[in-house]
Amino acid sequence: MSEEKKKFDQKAYIADFNKKNYDRIELKVPKGMKAKWQEIARSEGVSLTECIMRRMQEA
């Protein structure tokens, strides 16, 4: 077998998958707000992303 055979790159695969399947949104919030939102998400047993998405779908 050739030494040049490409090895599977897990990070590149995940990055490519995410680029094809998700949109990115960057939020800038006042200092301290992220921690408050994280605490709410933690109390609900979900990630911060999931917490925000649920609330946006309710709106």
Protein backbone atom coordinates (compact mmCIF):
# COMPACT_ATOMS: atom_id res chain seq x y z
CA MET A 1 0.00 0.00 0.00
CA SER A 2 1.11 3.52 -0.68
CA GLU A 3 2.45 5.68 2.14
CA GLU A 4 0.37 8.50 0.66
CA LYS A 5 -2.94 6.80 1.47
CA LYS A 6 -5.05 9.40 3.21
CA LYS A 7 -6.10 8.68 6.76
CA PHE A 8 -9.62 9.44 7.92
CA ASP A 9 -9.68 12.91 9.48
CA GLN A 10 -12.48 12.93 12.06
CA LYS A 11 -12.23 16.68 12.75
CA ALA A 12 -12.41 17.58 9.07
CA TYR A 13 -15.34 15.19 8.58
CA ILE A 14 -17.28 16.78 11.46
CA ALA A 15 -16.48 20.31 10.28
CA ASP A 16 -17.65 19.46 6.75
CA PHE A 17 -20.83 17.79 8.06
CA ASN A 18 -21.66 20.79 10.24
CA LYS A 19 -21.02 23.22 7.39
CA LYS A 20 -23.40 21.30 5.13
CA ASN A 21 -26.15 20.73 7.71
CA TYR A 22 -26.22 23.72 10.06
CA ASP A 23 -26.29 27.51 9.97
CA ARG A 24 -24.18 29.38 12.51
CA ILE A 25 -25.44 32.34 14.50
CA GLU A 26 -23.19 34.43 16.70
CA LEU A 27 -24.81 36.34 19.55
CA LYS A 28 -23.22 39.15 21.48
CA VAL A 29 -24.90 39.73 24.84
CA PRO A 30 -24.07 41.92 27.82
CA LYS A 31 -21.54 40.45 30.28
CA GLY A 32 -23.19 38.08 32.72
CA MET A 33 -26.19 37.24 30.51
CA LYS A 34 -24.58 34.11 29.10
CA ALA A 35 -24.03 32.74 32.62
CA LYS A 36 -27.69 33.39 33.46
CA TRP A 37 -28.84 31.61 30.31
CA GLN A 38 -26.50 28.70 31.00
CA GLU A 39 -27.97 28.32 34.47
CA ILE A 40 -31.49 28.24 33.04
CA ALA A 41 -30.43 25.62 30.48
CA ARG A 42 -28.68 23.57 33.18
CA SER A 43 -31.81 23.65 35.36
CA GLU A 44 -33.80 22.31 32.38
CA GLY A 45 -31.21 19.63 31.68
CA VAL A 46 -30.41 20.85 28.16
CA SER A 47 -27.59 22.64 26.38
CA LEU A 48 -27.59 26.41 26.01
CA THR A 49 -28.21 25.99 22.28
CA GLU A 50 -31.20 23.72 22.89
CA CYS A 51 -32.60 26.13 25.49
CA ILE A 52 -32.38 29.09 23.09
CA MET A 53 -33.83 27.08 20.19
CA ARG A 54 -36.83 25.97 22.27
CA ARG A 55 -37.61 29.54 23.25
CA MET A 56 -37.32 30.80 19.70
CA GLN A 57 -39.69 28.08 18.48
CA GLU A 58 -42.20 29.13 21.15
CA ALA A 59 -42.10 32.77 20.00
